[in-house]
Each structure stands twice: as C-alpha cells, then as structure tokens.
Amino acid sequence: MNLSFFDQFASPHLLGIPLILLSMLFPALLLPSPDNRWITNRLLTIQSWILHLITKQLMMPLNKKGHKWSLILTSLMMLLLTINLLGLLPYTFTPTTQLSMNMALAFPLWLATLLTGLRNQPSISLGHLLPEGTPTPLIPALILIETISLLIRPIALGVRLTANLTAGHLLTQLISTATTVLLPVMPSISALTAAILLLLTTLEVAVAMIQAYVFVLLLSLYLQENI
C-alpha cells in the first residue's frame, strides 16, 4: 500500500520509453501559431496581461541592471507554473516532484547570480559573508556560518519546491483513497471526505502557483544581492 502511494512520482514508461520526454514537450503546444489576430485575440490578450503582471512583480526588487534577467526569470516562472498545474490533472506526472529536476534548475541559476556578483562587485559580494560591526572573536565562526548559508541556498530552493508538491500530492491521494474505500461502508463520511478533497484540491492549485512564484522570487532576490 505504501509503495502504491509513491508510484505516482515515478516517470511512466511506454515500450521502455519514458513518457516524461513527451510531457515536457506539451507546454510548447500551448504556444500559439503566428497569425494576423495576435492583438485582437482575447486569449492572447489575457496571456500578455498575465506575462506583463508576472514580469512586473519579479522585476520590482531589481534595479535596471537586473532587468536583463527578465526573460529568463519570466520563462522559468511560466515553465514551473505550467508543470505544477498540469501535474494536478488525473493520470499525469509532475516533473517538479523530482528533486533532481528542481536542483538542475536551482543550482545553475543560483551559481549564475553568485558569479555575476563576484565578477561585477567582488568586494561587496564577499562582504555579505561578514556582517558589519561583528566582534573580532566571532569573525571566523560567522564567516563559516554565512558561507554555509550561502552554499545551502540552491538546496533549499530545490527541496522546498519538491517537498511542498510531494506532500500535497500524497495527501490528495490519501484522502481520495479514503473517500473511495468509505463510500460503500459509510457514505456520509465518504461525502465529508470528498468535500475535504475538493477543498484540498483548491489549496493545491494555490500551492502550485505560489511555489512557482516563490522559487523565481527568491532567485531574483539572490540576483539583487549581487548586482
């Protein structure tokens, strides 16, 4: 029983071919094909408004030097948002529940922000490792602590996204299993758990959007420290 709960986090295969490759191509199908109705199309107008809103929120903590990262951060936000929301559909696989994928996204981008700061303003970037006014006996310990906290940032990014989505999916499956099992035995309790499941699904939609936003927002804050 415990193994079946975690089977949803294994990438499905068909004839030995991982279907995750096909699912990762699906978001590209959502992109519209060029035509002469790009401006008058209501759907594209809504998409443009959402993209503008997301870009504005992500660029608010950054100065003008960081605005060149707008395309990367907005694209990452839309990628995570699409994958997280599509993963809530029945019989689907959520790649962002895999720590390997989240670390593959978090580590290179975190390293890029760090190297940007070391290249453009090395003294200020290294100065973050030692708070101003630190007593002399505490300097070695604080440098060690700040270095560890700096190096643990990409791990925290990946683990946060993985843990939140994994916990939500497991809880959803547990409650849905309880609803199905209790239906022939105690229909009233089953109806109550079904109502809880509906509320939990709504919460999971919010969590999927919030976690995508938090992931990219933290990257933008790390970038702001280094530009």
C-alpha atoms as a PDB file:
ATOM      1  CA  MET A   1       0.000   0.000   0.000  1.00  0.00           C
ATOM      2  CA  ASN A   2       2.796   2.414   0.873  1.00  0.00           C
ATOM      3  CA  LEU A   3       4.596   1.673  -2.364  1.00  0.00           C
ATOM      4  CA  SER A   4       1.462   2.391  -4.404  1.00  0.00           C
ATOM      5  CA  PHE A   5       1.226   5.869  -2.918  1.00  0.00           C
ATOM      6  CA  PHE A   6       4.716   6.710  -4.150  1.00  0.00           C
ATOM      7  CA  ASP A   7       4.250   5.122  -7.569  1.00  0.00           C
ATOM      8  CA  GLN A   8       2.733   8.394  -8.774  1.00  0.00           C
ATOM      9  CA  PHE A   9       6.158  10.029  -8.515  1.00  0.00           C
ATOM     10  CA  ALA A  10       7.772   7.509 -10.884  1.00  0.00           C
ATOM     11  CA  SER A  11       8.002   8.538 -14.513  1.00  0.00           C
ATOM     12  CA  PRO A  12       5.663   6.332 -16.605  1.00  0.00           C
ATOM     13  CA  HIS A  13       7.153   4.295 -19.442  1.00  0.00           C
ATOM     14  CA  LEU A  14       5.684   3.032 -22.697  1.00  0.00           C
ATOM     15  CA  LEU A  15       7.660   0.351 -24.544  1.00  0.00           C
ATOM     16  CA  GLY A  16      10.676   1.293 -22.469  1.00  0.00           C
ATOM     17  CA  ILE A  17      10.449   4.969 -23.463  1.00  0.00           C
ATOM     18  CA  PRO A  18       9.971   7.472 -20.587  1.00  0.00           C
ATOM     19  CA  LEU A  19       6.830   9.483 -21.238  1.00  0.00           C
ATOM     20  CA  ILE A  20       8.315  12.415 -19.339  1.00  0.00           C
ATOM     21  CA  LEU A  21      10.050  13.373 -22.594  1.00  0.00           C
ATOM     22  CA  LEU A  22       6.677  13.687 -24.293  1.00  0.00           C
ATOM     23  CA  SER A  23       5.118  15.585 -21.392  1.00  0.00           C
ATOM     24  CA  MET A  24       7.957  18.106 -21.357  1.00  0.00           C
ATOM     25  CA  LEU A  25       7.161  18.923 -24.975  1.00  0.00           C
ATOM     26  CA  PHE A  26       3.472  19.507 -24.219  1.00  0.00           C
ATOM     27  CA  PRO A  27       3.830  23.099 -22.880  1.00  0.00           C
ATOM     28  CA  ALA A  28       5.238  24.082 -26.280  1.00  0.00           C
ATOM     29  CA  LEU A  29       1.913  23.069 -27.811  1.00  0.00           C
ATOM     30  CA  LEU A  30       0.220  25.761 -25.734  1.00  0.00           C
ATOM     31  CA  LEU A  31       2.142  28.461 -27.596  1.00  0.00           C
ATOM     32  CA  PRO A  32       0.016  29.995 -30.357  1.00  0.00           C
ATOM     33  CA  SER A  33       0.929  29.808 -34.000  1.00  0.00           C
ATOM     34  CA  PRO A  34       1.555  33.146 -35.747  1.00  0.00           C
ATOM     35  CA  ASP A  35      -1.465  34.667 -37.458  1.00  0.00           C
ATOM     36  CA  ASN A  36      -2.975  38.068 -38.079  1.00  0.00           C
ATOM     37  CA  ARG A  37      -5.090  38.014 -34.910  1.00  0.00           C
ATOM     38  CA  TRP A  38      -2.360  38.243 -32.291  1.00  0.00           C
ATOM     39  CA  ILE A  39      -3.618  41.557 -30.975  1.00  0.00           C
ATOM     40  CA  THR A  40      -7.368  41.031 -31.316  1.00  0.00           C
ATOM     41  CA  ASN A  41      -7.408  37.526 -29.839  1.00  0.00           C
ATOM     42  CA  ARG A  42      -8.864  37.629 -26.299  1.00  0.00           C
ATOM     43  CA  LEU A  43      -6.883  34.593 -25.127  1.00  0.00           C
ATOM     44  CA  LEU A  44      -3.581  36.095 -26.206  1.00  0.00           C
ATOM     45  CA  THR A  45      -4.557  39.403 -24.653  1.00  0.00           C
ATOM     46  CA  ILE A  46      -5.108  37.649 -21.314  1.00  0.00           C
ATOM     47  CA  GLN A  47      -1.820  35.769 -21.679  1.00  0.00           C
ATOM     48  CA  SER A  48       0.029  39.005 -22.444  1.00  0.00           C
ATOM     49  CA  TRP A  49      -1.559  40.667 -19.418  1.00  0.00           C
ATOM     50  CA  ILE A  50      -0.536  37.767 -17.157  1.00  0.00           C
ATOM     51  CA  LEU A  51       3.017  37.804 -18.519  1.00  0.00           C
ATOM     52  CA  HIS A  52       3.227  41.557 -18.001  1.00  0.00           C
ATOM     53  CA  LEU A  53       1.949  41.212 -14.421  1.00  0.00           C
ATOM     54  CA  ILE A  54       4.407  38.411 -13.605  1.00  0.00           C
ATOM     55  CA  THR A  55       7.341  40.281 -15.131  1.00  0.00           C
ATOM     56  CA  LYS A  56       6.426  43.445 -13.249  1.00  0.00           C
ATOM     57  CA  GLN A  57       6.251  41.625  -9.915  1.00  0.00           C
ATOM     58  CA  LEU A  58       9.563  39.836 -10.481  1.00  0.00           C
ATOM     59  CA  MET A  59      11.411  42.966 -11.586  1.00  0.00           C
ATOM     60  CA  MET A  60      10.205  45.184  -8.724  1.00  0.00           C
ATOM     61  CA  PRO A  61      13.023  44.221  -6.291  1.00  0.00           C
ATOM     62  CA  LEU A  62      15.673  44.546  -9.030  1.00  0.00           C
ATOM     63  CA  ASN A  63      17.437  47.637 -10.306  1.00  0.00           C
ATOM     64  CA  LYS A  64      17.907  48.365 -14.006  1.00  0.00           C
ATOM     65  CA  LYS A  65      20.968  46.126 -14.266  1.00  0.00           C
ATOM     66  CA  GLY A  66      18.847  43.151 -13.262  1.00  0.00           C
ATOM     67  CA  HIS A  67      16.148  43.784 -15.854  1.00  0.00           C
ATOM     68  CA  LYS A  68      18.184  41.923 -18.460  1.00  0.00           C
ATOM     69  CA  TRP A  69      17.262  38.773 -16.493  1.00  0.00           C
ATOM     70  CA  SER A  70      13.537  39.377 -17.064  1.00  0.00           C
ATOM     71  CA  LEU A  71      13.262  36.918 -19.964  1.00  0.00           C
ATOM     72  CA  ILE A  72      14.998  34.113 -18.043  1.00  0.00           C
ATOM     73  CA  LEU A  73      13.027  34.627 -14.822  1.00  0.00           C
ATOM     74  CA  THR A  74       9.651  35.044 -16.542  1.00  0.00           C
ATOM     75  CA  SER A  75      10.241  31.975 -18.722  1.00  0.00           C
ATOM     76  CA  LEU A  76      11.210  29.956 -15.640  1.00  0.00           C
ATOM     77  CA  MET A  77       8.109  31.178 -13.839  1.00  0.00           C
ATOM     78  CA  MET A  78       5.831  30.135 -16.710  1.00  0.00           C
ATOM     79  CA  LEU A  79       7.600  26.760 -17.012  1.00  0.00           C
ATOM     80  CA  LEU A  80       7.176  25.938 -13.312  1.00  0.00           C
ATOM     81  CA  LEU A  81       3.619  27.250 -13.273  1.00  0.00           C
ATOM     82  CA  THR A  82       2.618  25.158 -16.285  1.00  0.00           C
ATOM     83  CA  ILE A  83       4.270  21.975 -14.999  1.00  0.00           C
ATOM     84  CA  ASN A  84       2.830  22.349 -11.492  1.00  0.00           C
ATOM     85  CA  LEU A  85      -0.721  22.955 -12.714  1.00  0.00           C
ATOM     86  CA  LEU A  86      -0.629  20.213 -15.356  1.00  0.00           C
ATOM     87  CA  GLY A  87       0.614  17.816 -12.659  1.00  0.00           C
ATOM     88  CA  LEU A  88      -2.671  18.251 -10.783  1.00  0.00           C
ATOM     89  CA  LEU A  89      -4.643  16.643 -13.604  1.00  0.00           C
ATOM     90  CA  PRO A  90      -5.577  12.956 -13.180  1.00  0.00           C
ATOM     91  CA  TYR A  91      -3.194  10.333 -14.554  1.00  0.00           C
ATOM     92  CA  THR A  92      -0.386  12.833 -15.046  1.00  0.00           C
ATOM     93  CA  PHE A  93       3.191  13.010 -13.863  1.00  0.00           C
ATOM     94  CA  THR A  94       4.657  16.080 -12.174  1.00  0.00           C
ATOM     95  CA  PRO A  95       8.368  16.515 -13.036  1.00  0.00           C
ATOM     96  CA  THR A  96       8.798  19.131 -10.287  1.00  0.00           C
ATOM     97  CA  THR A  97       8.239  16.443  -7.637  1.00  0.00           C
ATOM     98  CA  GLN A  98      11.662  15.110  -8.636  1.00  0.00           C
ATOM     99  CA  LEU A  99      14.493  16.641  -6.629  1.00  0.00           C
ATOM    100  CA  SER A 100      16.925  16.052  -9.488  1.00  0.00           C
ATOM    101  CA  MET A 101      14.973  18.333 -11.832  1.00  0.00           C
ATOM    102  CA  ASN A 102      14.499  21.069  -9.244  1.00  0.00           C
ATOM    103  CA  MET A 103      18.193  21.017  -8.357  1.00  0.00           C
ATOM    104  CA  ALA A 104      19.042  21.152 -12.063  1.00  0.00           C
ATOM    105  CA  LEU A 105      17.024  24.370 -12.255  1.00  0.00           C
ATOM    106  CA  ALA A 106      18.123  25.899  -8.950  1.00  0.00           C
ATOM    107  CA  PHE A 107      21.865  25.258  -8.912  1.00  0.00           C
ATOM    108  CA  PRO A 108      22.902  26.762 -12.295  1.00  0.00           C
ATOM    109  CA  LEU A 109      20.756  29.874 -11.819  1.00  0.00           C
ATOM    110  CA  TRP A 110      21.988  30.395  -8.238  1.00  0.00           C
ATOM    111  CA  LEU A 111      25.569  29.921  -9.435  1.00  0.00           C
ATOM    112  CA  ALA A 112      24.989  32.443 -12.231  1.00  0.00           C
ATOM    113  CA  THR A 113      23.804  35.075  -9.734  1.00  0.00           C
ATOM    114  CA  LEU A 114      26.795  34.360  -7.486  1.00  0.00           C
ATOM    115  CA  LEU A 115      29.330  34.580 -10.315  1.00  0.00           C
ATOM    116  CA  THR A 116      27.677  37.769 -11.550  1.00  0.00           C
ATOM    117  CA  GLY A 117      28.278  39.385  -8.173  1.00  0.00           C
ATOM    118  CA  LEU A 118      31.867  38.113  -7.905  1.00  0.00           C
ATOM    119  CA  ARG A 119      32.627  39.493 -11.357  1.00  0.00           C
ATOM    120  CA  ASN A 120      30.950  42.894 -11.072  1.00  0.00           C
ATOM    121  CA  GLN A 121      31.432  43.750  -7.387  1.00  0.00           C
ATOM    122  CA  PRO A 122      33.666  41.179  -5.664  1.00  0.00           C
ATOM    123  CA  SER A 123      34.280  43.215  -2.509  1.00  0.00           C
ATOM    124  CA  ILE A 124      30.556  43.786  -1.852  1.00  0.00           C
ATOM    125  CA  SER A 125      29.688  40.152  -2.598  1.00  0.00           C
ATOM    126  CA  LEU A 126      32.361  38.859  -0.243  1.00  0.00           C
ATOM    127  CA  GLY A 127      31.328  41.479   2.314  1.00  0.00           C
ATOM    128  CA  HIS A 128      27.990  39.691   2.712  1.00  0.00           C
ATOM    129  CA  LEU A 129      29.884  36.897   4.467  1.00  0.00           C
ATOM    130  CA  LEU A 130      30.758  39.175   7.392  1.00  0.00           C
ATOM    131  CA  PRO A 131      28.111  41.495   8.879  1.00  0.00           C
ATOM    132  CA  GLU A 132      29.263  44.979   9.789  1.00  0.00           C
ATOM    133  CA  GLY A 133      30.195  45.517  13.418  1.00  0.00           C
ATOM    134  CA  THR A 134      30.939  41.874  14.163  1.00  0.00           C
ATOM    135  CA  PRO A 135      33.135  41.333  17.263  1.00  0.00           C
ATOM    136  CA  THR A 136      36.604  40.080  16.380  1.00  0.00           C
ATOM    137  CA  PRO A 137      36.345  36.710  18.224  1.00  0.00           C
ATOM    138  CA  LEU A 138      33.172  35.863  16.279  1.00  0.00           C
ATOM    139  CA  ILE A 139      34.572  36.640  12.824  1.00  0.00           C
ATOM    140  CA  PRO A 140      35.752  33.073  11.909  1.00  0.00           C
ATOM    141  CA  ALA A 141      32.544  31.466  13.119  1.00  0.00           C
ATOM    142  CA  LEU A 142      30.301  33.979  11.332  1.00  0.00           C
ATOM    143  CA  ILE A 143      32.224  33.650   8.072  1.00  0.00           C
ATOM    144  CA  LEU A 144      31.785  29.873   8.280  1.00  0.00           C
ATOM    145  CA  ILE A 145      28.058  30.180   9.063  1.00  0.00           C
ATOM    146  CA  GLU A 146      27.432  32.720   6.292  1.00  0.00           C
ATOM    147  CA  THR A 147      29.352  30.566   3.798  1.00  0.00           C
ATOM    148  CA  ILE A 148      27.272  27.518   4.693  1.00  0.00           C
ATOM    149  CA  SER A 149      24.043  29.534   4.435  1.00  0.00           C
ATOM    150  CA  LEU A 150      25.161  30.791   1.020  1.00  0.00           C
ATOM    151  CA  LEU A 151      26.003  27.330  -0.289  1.00  0.00           C
ATOM    152  CA  ILE A 152      22.776  25.830   1.021  1.00  0.00           C
ATOM    153  CA  ARG A 153      20.568  28.233  -0.933  1.00  0.00           C
ATOM    154  CA  PRO A 154      20.185  26.087  -4.088  1.00  0.00           C
ATOM    155  CA  ILE A 155      19.480  23.028  -1.946  1.00  0.00           C
ATOM    156  CA  ALA A 156      16.783  24.954  -0.084  1.00  0.00           C
ATOM    157  CA  LEU A 157      15.243  26.082  -3.382  1.00  0.00           C
ATOM    158  CA  GLY A 158      15.056  22.558  -4.773  1.00  0.00           C
ATOM    159  CA  VAL A 159      13.954  20.849  -1.555  1.00  0.00           C
ATOM    160  CA  ARG A 160      11.255  23.466  -0.839  1.00  0.00           C
ATOM    161  CA  LEU A 161       9.608  23.008  -4.230  1.00  0.00           C
ATOM    162  CA  THR A 162       9.921  19.203  -4.119  1.00  0.00           C
ATOM    163  CA  ALA A 163       8.639  18.835  -0.545  1.00  0.00           C
ATOM    164  CA  ASN A 164       5.603  21.081  -0.958  1.00  0.00           C
ATOM    165  CA  LEU A 165       4.412  19.446  -4.155  1.00  0.00           C
ATOM    166  CA  THR A 166       5.168  15.905  -2.970  1.00  0.00           C
ATOM    167  CA  ALA A 167       3.334  16.416   0.332  1.00  0.00           C
ATOM    168  CA  GLY A 168       0.313  17.865  -1.429  1.00  0.00           C
ATOM    169  CA  HIS A 169       0.106  15.020  -3.935  1.00  0.00           C
ATOM    170  CA  LEU A 170       0.475  12.377  -1.220  1.00  0.00           C
ATOM    171  CA  LEU A 171      -2.221  13.987   0.920  1.00  0.00           C
ATOM    172  CA  THR A 172      -4.543  14.234  -2.074  1.00  0.00           C
ATOM    173  CA  GLN A 173      -4.063  10.556  -2.881  1.00  0.00           C
ATOM    174  CA  LEU A 174      -4.566   9.507   0.744  1.00  0.00           C
ATOM    175  CA  ILE A 175      -7.850  11.417   1.067  1.00  0.00           C
ATOM    176  CA  SER A 176      -9.098  10.240  -2.335  1.00  0.00           C
ATOM    177  CA  THR A 177      -8.312   6.642  -1.377  1.00  0.00           C
ATOM    178  CA  ALA A 178     -10.194   7.093   1.898  1.00  0.00           C
ATOM    179  CA  THR A 179     -13.167   8.543   0.004  1.00  0.00           C
ATOM    180  CA  THR A 180     -13.313   5.534  -2.326  1.00  0.00           C
ATOM    181  CA  VAL A 181     -12.895   2.975   0.473  1.00  0.00           C
ATOM    182  CA  LEU A 182     -15.533   4.564   2.744  1.00  0.00           C
ATOM    183  CA  LEU A 183     -18.146   5.024   0.008  1.00  0.00           C
ATOM    184  CA  PRO A 184     -19.799   1.542   0.285  1.00  0.00           C
ATOM    185  CA  VAL A 185     -19.357   1.387   4.075  1.00  0.00           C
ATOM    186  CA  MET A 186     -20.119   4.902   5.361  1.00  0.00           C
ATOM    187  CA  PRO A 187     -21.492   7.108   2.577  1.00  0.00           C
ATOM    188  CA  SER A 188     -21.917  10.136   4.843  1.00  0.00           C
ATOM    189  CA  ILE A 189     -18.289  10.046   5.966  1.00  0.00           C
ATOM    190  CA  SER A 190     -17.262   9.484   2.356  1.00  0.00           C
ATOM    191  CA  ALA A 191     -19.185  12.602   1.299  1.00  0.00           C
ATOM    192  CA  LEU A 192     -17.440  14.583   4.039  1.00  0.00           C
ATOM    193  CA  THR A 193     -14.010  13.388   2.898  1.00  0.00           C
ATOM    194  CA  ALA A 194     -14.990  14.206  -0.696  1.00  0.00           C
ATOM    195  CA  ALA A 195     -15.753  17.779   0.376  1.00  0.00           C
ATOM    196  CA  ILE A 196     -12.379  17.931   2.140  1.00  0.00           C
ATOM    197  CA  LEU A 197     -10.769  16.576  -1.016  1.00  0.00           C
ATOM    198  CA  LEU A 198     -12.362  19.353  -3.066  1.00  0.00           C
ATOM    199  CA  LEU A 199     -11.040  21.986  -0.682  1.00  0.00           C
ATOM    200  CA  LEU A 200      -7.622  20.353  -0.694  1.00  0.00           C
ATOM    201  CA  THR A 201      -7.563  20.356  -4.493  1.00  0.00           C
ATOM    202  CA  THR A 202      -8.296  24.088  -4.475  1.00  0.00           C
ATOM    203  CA  LEU A 203      -5.495  24.554  -1.973  1.00  0.00           C
ATOM    204  CA  GLU A 204      -3.136  22.515  -4.150  1.00  0.00           C
ATOM    205  CA  VAL A 205      -3.848  24.775  -7.125  1.00  0.00           C
ATOM    206  CA  ALA A 206      -2.875  27.748  -4.976  1.00  0.00           C
ATOM    207  CA  VAL A 207       0.233  25.942  -3.692  1.00  0.00           C
ATOM    208  CA  ALA A 208       1.293  25.090  -7.251  1.00  0.00           C
ATOM    209  CA  MET A 209       1.146  28.758  -8.250  1.00  0.00           C
ATOM    210  CA  ILE A 210       2.686  30.081  -5.032  1.00  0.00           C
ATOM    211  CA  GLN A 211       5.623  27.663  -5.095  1.00  0.00           C
ATOM    212  CA  ALA A 212       6.467  28.576  -8.675  1.00  0.00           C
ATOM    213  CA  TYR A 213       6.360  32.269  -7.726  1.00  0.00           C
ATOM    214  CA  VAL A 214       8.440  31.775  -4.551  1.00  0.00           C
ATOM    215  CA  PHE A 215      11.093  29.793  -6.444  1.00  0.00           C
ATOM    216  CA  VAL A 216      11.621  32.555  -9.015  1.00  0.00           C
ATOM    217  CA  LEU A 217      11.204  35.391  -6.496  1.00  0.00           C
ATOM    218  CA  LEU A 218      13.993  34.018  -4.296  1.00  0.00           C
ATOM    219  CA  LEU A 219      16.239  33.763  -7.349  1.00  0.00           C
ATOM    220  CA  SER A 220      15.508  37.413  -8.152  1.00  0.00           C
ATOM    221  CA  LEU A 221      16.365  38.377  -4.560  1.00  0.00           C
ATOM    222  CA  TYR A 222      19.634  36.465  -4.778  1.00  0.00           C
ATOM    223  CA  LEU A 223      20.319  38.325  -8.011  1.00  0.00           C
ATOM    224  CA  GLN A 224      19.593  41.689  -6.379  1.00  0.00           C
ATOM    225  CA  GLU A 225      22.269  40.992  -3.760  1.00  0.00           C
ATOM    226  CA  ASN A 226      24.885  40.554  -6.479  1.00  0.00           C
ATOM    227  CA  ILE A 227      24.185  43.419  -8.887  1.00  0.00           C
END
